Amino acid sequence: MNAENTKALVESFPVLYCGADRPRATDAAPRFFFECRDGWFNLIFRLSEKLERGARRAGAAPESTDWPRALQVKEKYGTLRFYAMPATDEFSRLIDEAEKQSARTCELCGGPAKLREKGRWYKTFCDPCARESGYSEIRRP
């Protein structure tokens, strides 16, 4: 994810992405890295809002261990993987929803998409981004 979107997420959700246990950010060294492309920015932003809203509803304080903390956010096998603690039922449900939606959202542009392949690599791309990146529809026998 580009630096501008990374900064927007980290500044909007500082405890979720940085917590007290991570080093301070500088422009040269961000505190958190998103290992996916910018097309999923809105999806991740909405998930972050839902996680924090759920924590507030449950009565968690940002400084408590009950507040969600992202451990890793990345693309794997073409879809979003969002690892966070604590792994409550509600947080897990919200994360599962976002991961499923990533399978229909272009990782590059954010438009409607589907899973594509190129050799042994999988990505979720819309038609134009797939063509530009050399990915094709998955062919099932």
N, C-alpha and C. Protein backbone atom coordinates (compact mmCIF):
# COMPACT_ATOMS: atom_id res chain seq x y z
N MET A 1 0.85 -1.17 0.00
CA MET A 1 0.00 0.00 0.00
C MET A 1 0.90 1.23 0.00
N ASN A 2 0.47 2.26 -0.69
CA ASN A 2 1.32 3.44 -0.78
C ASN A 2 1.43 4.16 0.56
N ALA A 3 2.40 5.05 0.67
CA ALA A 3 2.69 5.74 1.93
C ALA A 3 1.52 6.61 2.38
N GLU A 4 0.84 7.25 1.44
CA GLU A 4 -0.28 8.13 1.80
C GLU A 4 -1.42 7.34 2.44
N ASN A 5 -1.80 6.21 1.83
CA ASN A 5 -2.87 5.38 2.39
C ASN A 5 -2.45 4.73 3.70
N THR A 6 -1.19 4.31 3.79
CA THR A 6 -0.68 3.74 5.04
C THR A 6 -0.80 4.77 6.15
N LYS A 7 -0.36 5.99 5.87
CA LYS A 7 -0.42 7.07 6.86
C LYS A 7 -1.86 7.34 7.28
N ALA A 8 -2.79 7.35 6.31
CA ALA A 8 -4.19 7.61 6.63
C ALA A 8 -4.76 6.55 7.57
N LEU A 9 -4.43 5.30 7.33
CA LEU A 9 -4.92 4.23 8.21
C LEU A 9 -4.29 4.31 9.59
N VAL A 10 -2.99 4.50 9.64
CA VAL A 10 -2.28 4.55 10.92
C VAL A 10 -2.73 5.76 11.74
N GLU A 11 -2.92 6.90 11.09
CA GLU A 11 -3.36 8.09 11.83
C GLU A 11 -4.82 8.00 12.25
N SER A 12 -5.66 7.35 11.46
CA SER A 12 -7.08 7.21 11.80
C SER A 12 -7.31 6.17 12.89
N PHE A 13 -6.45 5.16 12.93
CA PHE A 13 -6.62 4.05 13.88
C PHE A 13 -5.28 3.75 14.56
N PRO A 14 -4.75 4.70 15.33
CA PRO A 14 -3.39 4.55 15.86
C PRO A 14 -3.21 3.36 16.82
N VAL A 15 -4.22 3.06 17.60
CA VAL A 15 -4.07 1.94 18.54
C VAL A 15 -4.18 0.62 17.79
N LEU A 16 -5.11 0.53 16.86
CA LEU A 16 -5.28 -0.70 16.08
C LEU A 16 -4.00 -1.06 15.34
N TYR A 17 -3.36 -0.06 14.74
CA TYR A 17 -2.18 -0.36 13.93
C TYR A 17 -0.85 -0.10 14.60
N CYS A 18 -0.83 0.61 15.67
CA CYS A 18 0.47 0.92 16.27
C CYS A 18 0.57 0.51 17.71
N GLY A 19 -0.49 0.64 18.46
CA GLY A 19 -0.47 0.23 19.86
C GLY A 19 0.68 0.84 20.62
N ALA A 20 0.67 0.65 21.90
CA ALA A 20 1.72 1.20 22.75
C ALA A 20 3.00 0.39 22.66
N ASP A 21 2.90 -0.85 22.18
CA ASP A 21 4.05 -1.75 22.18
C ASP A 21 4.92 -1.61 20.93
N ARG A 22 4.53 -0.76 19.99
CA ARG A 22 5.32 -0.59 18.77
C ARG A 22 6.09 0.71 18.82
N PRO A 23 7.23 0.77 18.12
CA PRO A 23 8.02 1.99 18.14
C PRO A 23 7.29 3.16 17.49
N ARG A 24 7.70 4.36 17.83
CA ARG A 24 7.11 5.58 17.26
C ARG A 24 7.38 5.65 15.77
N ALA A 25 6.43 6.20 15.04
CA ALA A 25 6.58 6.34 13.59
C ALA A 25 7.34 7.60 13.26
N THR A 26 8.04 7.53 12.17
CA THR A 26 8.63 8.71 11.56
C THR A 26 8.27 8.65 10.09
N ASP A 27 8.47 9.74 9.37
CA ASP A 27 8.18 9.69 7.93
C ASP A 27 9.03 8.64 7.23
N ALA A 28 10.24 8.42 7.74
CA ALA A 28 11.15 7.46 7.12
C ALA A 28 10.86 6.02 7.56
N ALA A 29 10.25 5.85 8.72
CA ALA A 29 10.02 4.51 9.24
C ALA A 29 8.62 4.39 9.83
N PRO A 30 7.63 4.03 9.00
CA PRO A 30 6.27 3.88 9.52
C PRO A 30 6.20 2.76 10.55
N ARG A 31 5.22 2.82 11.40
CA ARG A 31 5.08 1.81 12.45
C ARG A 31 4.41 0.54 11.97
N PHE A 32 3.67 0.61 10.88
CA PHE A 32 2.93 -0.56 10.43
C PHE A 32 3.00 -0.63 8.91
N PHE A 33 3.09 -1.84 8.39
CA PHE A 33 3.17 -2.03 6.95
C PHE A 33 1.97 -2.86 6.48
N PHE A 34 1.36 -2.41 5.40
CA PHE A 34 0.26 -3.13 4.78
C PHE A 34 0.83 -3.82 3.55
N GLU A 35 0.74 -5.14 3.51
CA GLU A 35 1.33 -5.92 2.43
C GLU A 35 0.26 -6.27 1.39
N CYS A 36 -0.38 -5.22 0.88
CA CYS A 36 -1.37 -5.37 -0.17
C CYS A 36 -1.42 -4.06 -0.94
N ARG A 37 -2.22 -4.03 -1.99
CA ARG A 37 -2.26 -2.86 -2.86
C ARG A 37 -3.38 -1.90 -2.45
N ASP A 38 -3.39 -0.73 -3.05
CA ASP A 38 -4.28 0.36 -2.67
C ASP A 38 -5.75 0.15 -2.97
N GLY A 39 -6.08 -0.79 -3.83
CA GLY A 39 -7.49 -1.04 -4.14
C GLY A 39 -8.28 -1.54 -2.95
N TRP A 40 -7.61 -2.07 -1.96
CA TRP A 40 -8.29 -2.56 -0.76
C TRP A 40 -8.30 -1.54 0.37
N PHE A 41 -7.81 -0.32 0.11
CA PHE A 41 -7.77 0.70 1.15
C PHE A 41 -9.13 0.90 1.80
N ASN A 42 -10.18 1.15 0.99
CA ASN A 42 -11.51 1.41 1.56
C ASN A 42 -12.04 0.21 2.34
N LEU A 43 -11.79 -0.97 1.85
CA LEU A 43 -12.20 -2.19 2.53
C LEU A 43 -11.54 -2.29 3.91
N ILE A 44 -10.25 -2.03 3.96
CA ILE A 44 -9.50 -2.09 5.22
C ILE A 44 -9.93 -0.95 6.15
N PHE A 45 -10.18 0.24 5.60
CA PHE A 45 -10.63 1.37 6.41
C PHE A 45 -11.97 1.04 7.07
N ARG A 46 -12.93 0.53 6.28
CA ARG A 46 -14.25 0.17 6.84
C ARG A 46 -14.12 -0.93 7.89
N LEU A 47 -13.28 -1.92 7.65
CA LEU A 47 -13.06 -2.97 8.64
C LEU A 47 -12.49 -2.38 9.92
N SER A 48 -11.55 -1.47 9.80
CA SER A 48 -10.94 -0.84 10.97
C SER A 48 -11.99 -0.09 11.79
N GLU A 49 -12.88 0.63 11.10
CA GLU A 49 -13.96 1.33 11.79
C GLU A 49 -14.85 0.35 12.55
N LYS A 50 -15.21 -0.75 11.89
CA LYS A 50 -16.08 -1.75 12.51
C LYS A 50 -15.42 -2.40 13.72
N LEU A 51 -14.13 -2.71 13.62
CA LEU A 51 -13.42 -3.32 14.75
C LEU A 51 -13.41 -2.38 15.95
N GLU A 52 -13.10 -1.12 15.72
CA GLU A 52 -13.05 -0.17 16.83
C GLU A 52 -14.45 0.10 17.39
N ARG A 53 -15.45 0.16 16.52
CA ARG A 53 -16.83 0.35 16.99
C ARG A 53 -17.26 -0.85 17.86
N GLY A 54 -16.90 -2.04 17.42
CA GLY A 54 -17.22 -3.24 18.20
C GLY A 54 -16.52 -3.24 19.55
N ALA A 55 -15.28 -2.78 19.58
CA ALA A 55 -14.55 -2.71 20.85
C ALA A 55 -15.22 -1.72 21.80
N ARG A 56 -15.64 -0.56 21.26
CA ARG A 56 -16.32 0.44 22.10
C ARG A 56 -17.63 -0.12 22.65
N ARG A 57 -18.39 -0.80 21.78
CA ARG A 57 -19.67 -1.39 22.21
C ARG A 57 -19.45 -2.39 23.34
N ALA A 58 -18.35 -3.11 23.27
CA ALA A 58 -18.05 -4.12 24.29
C ALA A 58 -17.48 -3.50 25.56
N GLY A 59 -17.27 -2.17 25.54
CA GLY A 59 -16.77 -1.48 26.73
C GLY A 59 -15.26 -1.51 26.87
N ALA A 60 -14.54 -1.86 25.81
CA ALA A 60 -13.07 -1.91 25.87
C ALA A 60 -12.49 -0.50 25.81
N ALA A 61 -11.41 -0.30 26.50
CA ALA A 61 -10.68 0.97 26.44
C ALA A 61 -9.49 0.78 25.51
N PRO A 62 -9.12 1.82 24.76
CA PRO A 62 -7.99 1.68 23.83
C PRO A 62 -6.69 1.20 24.46
N GLU A 63 -6.49 1.51 25.72
CA GLU A 63 -5.24 1.07 26.36
C GLU A 63 -5.32 -0.35 26.91
N SER A 64 -6.49 -0.98 26.82
CA SER A 64 -6.65 -2.34 27.35
C SER A 64 -6.27 -3.39 26.31
N THR A 65 -6.05 -4.61 26.78
CA THR A 65 -5.74 -5.71 25.87
C THR A 65 -6.99 -6.19 25.13
N ASP A 66 -8.16 -5.68 25.50
CA ASP A 66 -9.40 -6.04 24.81
C ASP A 66 -9.61 -5.23 23.54
N TRP A 67 -8.82 -4.15 23.36
CA TRP A 67 -8.92 -3.33 22.16
C TRP A 67 -8.19 -4.06 21.02
N PRO A 68 -8.75 -4.09 19.82
CA PRO A 68 -8.09 -4.83 18.74
C PRO A 68 -6.75 -4.22 18.35
N ARG A 69 -5.80 -5.11 18.05
CA ARG A 69 -4.48 -4.73 17.57
C ARG A 69 -4.18 -5.57 16.33
N ALA A 70 -3.92 -4.93 15.21
CA ALA A 70 -3.58 -5.65 13.99
C ALA A 70 -2.16 -6.17 14.09
N LEU A 71 -1.97 -7.42 13.76
CA LEU A 71 -0.64 -8.03 13.76
C LEU A 71 -0.04 -8.03 12.37
N GLN A 72 -0.89 -8.31 11.37
CA GLN A 72 -0.44 -8.34 9.98
C GLN A 72 -1.64 -8.16 9.06
N VAL A 73 -1.44 -7.37 8.00
CA VAL A 73 -2.47 -7.16 6.98
C VAL A 73 -1.79 -7.37 5.64
N LYS A 74 -2.27 -8.38 4.88
CA LYS A 74 -1.59 -8.72 3.64
C LYS A 74 -2.52 -9.41 2.66
N GLU A 75 -2.02 -9.59 1.45
CA GLU A 75 -2.68 -10.40 0.44
C GLU A 75 -2.03 -11.78 0.47
N LYS A 76 -2.86 -12.80 0.39
CA LYS A 76 -2.34 -14.17 0.30
C LYS A 76 -3.32 -14.97 -0.55
N TYR A 77 -2.79 -15.64 -1.56
CA TYR A 77 -3.61 -16.43 -2.49
C TYR A 77 -4.74 -15.59 -3.09
N GLY A 78 -4.47 -14.30 -3.30
CA GLY A 78 -5.40 -13.44 -3.99
C GLY A 78 -6.42 -12.72 -3.12
N THR A 79 -6.46 -13.02 -1.84
CA THR A 79 -7.45 -12.35 -0.98
C THR A 79 -6.77 -11.76 0.26
N LEU A 80 -7.51 -10.89 0.93
CA LEU A 80 -7.02 -10.22 2.12
C LEU A 80 -6.86 -11.19 3.27
N ARG A 81 -5.78 -11.03 4.00
CA ARG A 81 -5.58 -11.73 5.27
C ARG A 81 -5.34 -10.63 6.31
N PHE A 82 -6.14 -10.64 7.35
CA PHE A 82 -6.07 -9.62 8.40
C PHE A 82 -5.96 -10.37 9.72
N TYR A 83 -4.78 -10.31 10.32
CA TYR A 83 -4.53 -11.01 11.58
C TYR A 83 -4.53 -9.99 12.71
N ALA A 84 -5.35 -10.26 13.73
CA ALA A 84 -5.48 -9.32 14.84
C ALA A 84 -5.72 -10.07 16.15
N MET A 85 -5.44 -9.39 17.23
CA MET A 85 -5.72 -9.89 18.58
C MET A 85 -6.49 -8.82 19.31
N PRO A 86 -7.36 -9.13 20.23
CA PRO A 86 -7.79 -10.48 20.58
C PRO A 86 -8.71 -11.05 19.49
N ALA A 87 -8.80 -12.35 19.45
CA ALA A 87 -9.59 -13.03 18.42
C ALA A 87 -10.99 -13.34 18.97
N THR A 88 -11.77 -12.30 19.22
CA THR A 88 -13.14 -12.50 19.71
C THR A 88 -14.01 -13.00 18.57
N ASP A 89 -15.17 -13.53 18.91
CA ASP A 89 -16.10 -13.99 17.88
C ASP A 89 -16.51 -12.85 16.96
N GLU A 90 -16.81 -11.67 17.55
CA GLU A 90 -17.23 -10.54 16.72
C GLU A 90 -16.11 -10.07 15.80
N PHE A 91 -14.89 -9.93 16.34
CA PHE A 91 -13.77 -9.49 15.50
C PHE A 91 -13.53 -10.49 14.38
N SER A 92 -13.58 -11.77 14.71
CA SER A 92 -13.36 -12.81 13.69
C SER A 92 -14.43 -12.75 12.60
N ARG A 93 -15.67 -12.50 12.97
CA ARG A 93 -16.76 -12.39 12.00
C ARG A 93 -16.54 -11.19 11.07
N LEU A 94 -16.17 -10.06 11.66
CA LEU A 94 -15.92 -8.85 10.85
C LEU A 94 -14.76 -9.06 9.88
N ILE A 95 -13.71 -9.69 10.36
CA ILE A 95 -12.54 -9.96 9.52
C ILE A 95 -12.90 -10.93 8.41
N ASP A 96 -13.65 -11.98 8.73
CA ASP A 96 -14.08 -12.94 7.70
C ASP A 96 -14.89 -12.25 6.61
N GLU A 97 -15.80 -11.35 7.01
CA GLU A 97 -16.60 -10.60 6.04
C GLU A 97 -15.71 -9.80 5.08
N ALA A 98 -14.74 -9.09 5.65
CA ALA A 98 -13.84 -8.27 4.83
C ALA A 98 -13.00 -9.15 3.91
N GLU A 99 -12.52 -10.27 4.41
CA GLU A 99 -11.72 -11.17 3.59
C GLU A 99 -12.55 -11.72 2.42
N LYS A 100 -13.81 -12.04 2.68
CA LYS A 100 -14.68 -12.51 1.60
C LYS A 100 -14.94 -11.41 0.58
N GLN A 101 -15.13 -10.18 1.07
CA GLN A 101 -15.36 -9.07 0.15
C GLN A 101 -14.12 -8.79 -0.70
N SER A 102 -12.94 -9.05 -0.16
CA SER A 102 -11.71 -8.81 -0.94
C SER A 102 -11.66 -9.71 -2.17
N ALA A 103 -12.34 -10.85 -2.14
CA ALA A 103 -12.37 -11.76 -3.29
C ALA A 103 -13.25 -11.22 -4.41
N ARG A 104 -13.94 -10.08 -4.15
CA ARG A 104 -14.78 -9.43 -5.16
C ARG A 104 -14.35 -7.98 -5.41
N THR A 105 -13.19 -7.60 -4.86
CA THR A 105 -12.71 -6.22 -4.96
C THR A 105 -11.31 -6.22 -5.55
N CYS A 106 -11.12 -5.47 -6.61
CA CYS A 106 -9.81 -5.42 -7.26
C CYS A 106 -8.77 -4.85 -6.31
N GLU A 107 -7.71 -5.58 -6.12
CA GLU A 107 -6.64 -5.15 -5.22
C GLU A 107 -5.92 -3.91 -5.75
N LEU A 108 -5.97 -3.69 -7.05
CA LEU A 108 -5.28 -2.54 -7.63
C LEU A 108 -6.14 -1.27 -7.64
N CYS A 109 -7.39 -1.38 -8.12
CA CYS A 109 -8.20 -0.17 -8.31
C CYS A 109 -9.42 -0.09 -7.40
N GLY A 110 -9.80 -1.20 -6.74
CA GLY A 110 -10.96 -1.19 -5.85
C GLY A 110 -12.28 -1.48 -6.53
N GLY A 111 -12.27 -1.70 -7.85
CA GLY A 111 -13.50 -1.99 -8.58
C GLY A 111 -13.96 -3.43 -8.41
N PRO A 112 -15.13 -3.77 -8.96
CA PRO A 112 -15.62 -5.15 -8.91
C PRO A 112 -14.62 -6.08 -9.60
N ALA A 113 -14.37 -7.24 -9.00
CA ALA A 113 -13.31 -8.11 -9.51
C ALA A 113 -13.60 -9.57 -9.19
N LYS A 114 -12.71 -10.41 -9.67
CA LYS A 114 -12.75 -11.84 -9.32
C LYS A 114 -11.33 -12.38 -9.28
N LEU A 115 -11.20 -13.55 -8.72
CA LEU A 115 -9.90 -14.18 -8.57
C LEU A 115 -9.33 -14.55 -9.94
N ARG A 116 -8.05 -14.23 -10.15
CA ARG A 116 -7.36 -14.50 -11.41
C ARG A 116 -6.08 -15.26 -11.11
N GLU A 117 -5.47 -15.78 -12.18
CA GLU A 117 -4.21 -16.49 -12.00
C GLU A 117 -3.21 -16.12 -13.08
N LYS A 118 -1.96 -16.27 -12.72
CA LYS A 118 -0.85 -16.11 -13.66
C LYS A 118 0.21 -17.09 -13.19
N GLY A 119 0.30 -18.20 -13.91
CA GLY A 119 1.18 -19.26 -13.44
C GLY A 119 0.63 -19.83 -12.13
N ARG A 120 1.43 -19.76 -11.09
CA ARG A 120 0.98 -20.26 -9.78
C ARG A 120 0.60 -19.13 -8.83
N TRP A 121 0.46 -17.92 -9.36
CA TRP A 121 0.12 -16.75 -8.55
C TRP A 121 -1.35 -16.41 -8.72
N TYR A 122 -1.98 -16.01 -7.63
CA TYR A 122 -3.39 -15.64 -7.65
C TYR A 122 -3.55 -14.20 -7.16
N LYS A 123 -4.43 -13.47 -7.82
CA LYS A 123 -4.75 -12.10 -7.44
C LYS A 123 -6.22 -11.85 -7.74
N THR A 124 -6.82 -10.93 -7.01
CA THR A 124 -8.19 -10.52 -7.30
C THR A 124 -8.11 -9.20 -8.06
N PHE A 125 -8.44 -9.26 -9.35
CA PHE A 125 -8.35 -8.10 -10.23
C PHE A 125 -9.63 -7.96 -11.05
N CYS A 126 -9.94 -6.73 -11.43
CA CYS A 126 -11.01 -6.48 -12.39
C CYS A 126 -10.46 -6.83 -13.78
N ASP A 127 -11.33 -6.81 -14.79
CA ASP A 127 -10.89 -7.16 -16.15
C ASP A 127 -9.73 -6.29 -16.64
N PRO A 128 -9.85 -4.93 -16.58
CA PRO A 128 -8.75 -4.10 -17.11
C PRO A 128 -7.43 -4.31 -16.35
N CYS A 129 -7.49 -4.38 -15.03
CA CYS A 129 -6.25 -4.56 -14.25
C CYS A 129 -5.65 -5.94 -14.49
N ALA A 130 -6.50 -6.95 -14.68
CA ALA A 130 -6.00 -8.30 -14.97
C ALA A 130 -5.27 -8.31 -16.30
N ARG A 131 -5.88 -7.70 -17.32
CA ARG A 131 -5.23 -7.64 -18.64
C ARG A 131 -3.89 -6.93 -18.54
N GLU A 132 -3.89 -5.78 -17.88
CA GLU A 132 -2.66 -4.99 -17.76
C GLU A 132 -1.57 -5.73 -17.00
N SER A 133 -1.96 -6.56 -16.05
CA SER A 133 -1.00 -7.29 -15.22
C SER A 133 -0.69 -8.69 -15.74
N GLY A 134 -1.37 -9.11 -16.80
CA GLY A 134 -1.10 -10.42 -17.39
C GLY A 134 -1.78 -11.57 -16.67
N TYR A 135 -2.84 -11.30 -15.92
CA TYR A 135 -3.58 -12.35 -15.21
C TYR A 135 -4.80 -12.74 -16.03
N SER A 136 -5.20 -13.99 -15.93
CA SER A 136 -6.37 -14.47 -16.67
C SER A 136 -7.33 -15.17 -15.73
N GLU A 137 -8.54 -15.41 -16.24
CA GLU A 137 -9.54 -16.09 -15.43
C GLU A 137 -9.04 -17.49 -15.09
N ILE A 138 -9.45 -17.96 -13.94
CA ILE A 138 -9.06 -19.30 -13.50
C ILE A 138 -9.90 -20.30 -14.30
N ARG A 139 -9.22 -21.22 -14.93
CA ARG A 139 -9.91 -22.23 -15.74
C ARG A 139 -9.97 -23.53 -14.92
N ARG A 140 -11.17 -23.98 -14.74
CA ARG A 140 -11.39 -25.23 -14.00
C ARG A 140 -11.64 -26.35 -15.01
N PRO A 141 -11.06 -27.52 -14.79
CA PRO A 141 -11.29 -28.64 -15.73
C PRO A 141 -12.72 -29.13 -15.71
